[in-house]
Amino acid sequence: MLVLAIIATIIVGWIGASFGLDFMNGFTELGSILAVATMGAFIMIEIKRNNKK
């Protein structure tokens, strides 16, 4: 799950940065924002999974 989280975060960050650069007039910070949100989602899923045990 850790490897999936890292790969997904990198991909989402890269796509967000390119989307922000091309369509939002240079808003490349969008990639960082989406990457942090993606990693936060993975952390929340892992916490929820550990609390069920």
Protein backbone atom coordinates (compact mmCIF):
# COMPACT_ATOMS: atom_id res chain seq x y z
CA MET A 1 0.00 0.00 0.00
CA LEU A 2 2.92 2.33 0.72
CA VAL A 3 4.33 2.01 -2.78
CA LEU A 4 0.89 2.64 -4.29
CA ALA A 5 0.52 5.77 -2.16
CA ILE A 6 3.91 7.12 -3.23
CA ILE A 7 3.33 6.44 -6.93
CA ALA A 8 -0.21 7.86 -6.84
CA THR A 9 1.01 11.00 -5.05
CA ILE A 10 3.76 11.60 -7.59
CA ILE A 11 1.41 11.07 -10.53
CA VAL A 12 -1.34 13.29 -9.11
CA GLY A 13 1.20 16.00 -8.28
CA TRP A 14 2.71 15.88 -11.74
CA ILE A 15 -0.68 15.98 -13.49
CA GLY A 16 -1.87 18.78 -11.20
CA ALA A 17 1.23 20.86 -11.88
CA SER A 18 0.93 20.45 -15.65
CA PHE A 19 -2.80 21.18 -15.55
CA GLY A 20 -2.19 24.29 -13.43
CA LEU A 21 0.56 25.48 -15.75
CA ASP A 22 -1.40 24.97 -18.97
CA PHE A 23 -4.97 25.84 -18.04
CA MET A 24 -4.75 28.05 -14.96
CA ASN A 25 -2.18 30.62 -16.12
CA GLY A 26 0.87 29.34 -14.27
CA PHE A 27 -0.75 27.99 -11.09
CA THR A 28 1.85 25.23 -10.72
CA GLU A 29 1.22 25.07 -6.96
CA LEU A 30 -1.87 23.07 -7.82
CA GLY A 31 0.37 20.00 -8.14
CA SER A 32 1.67 20.39 -4.60
CA ILE A 33 -1.82 20.97 -3.22
CA LEU A 34 -3.20 17.87 -4.93
CA ALA A 35 -0.21 15.76 -3.89
CA VAL A 36 -0.66 16.71 -0.23
CA ALA A 37 -4.40 16.00 -0.46
CA THR A 38 -3.72 12.60 -2.03
CA MET A 39 -1.22 11.61 0.64
CA GLY A 40 -3.63 12.83 3.32
CA ALA A 41 -6.33 10.60 1.88
CA PHE A 42 -4.02 7.58 2.02
CA ILE A 43 -3.10 8.39 5.62
CA MET A 44 -6.76 8.70 6.60
CA ILE A 45 -7.57 5.36 4.94
CA GLU A 46 -4.73 3.68 6.83
CA ILE A 47 -5.83 5.18 10.16
CA LYS A 48 -9.41 4.05 9.56
CA ARG A 49 -8.19 0.55 8.67
CA ASN A 50 -6.07 0.33 11.86
CA ASN A 51 -8.95 1.52 14.07
CA LYS A 52 -11.20 -1.30 12.86
CA LYS A 53 -8.76 -3.94 14.11
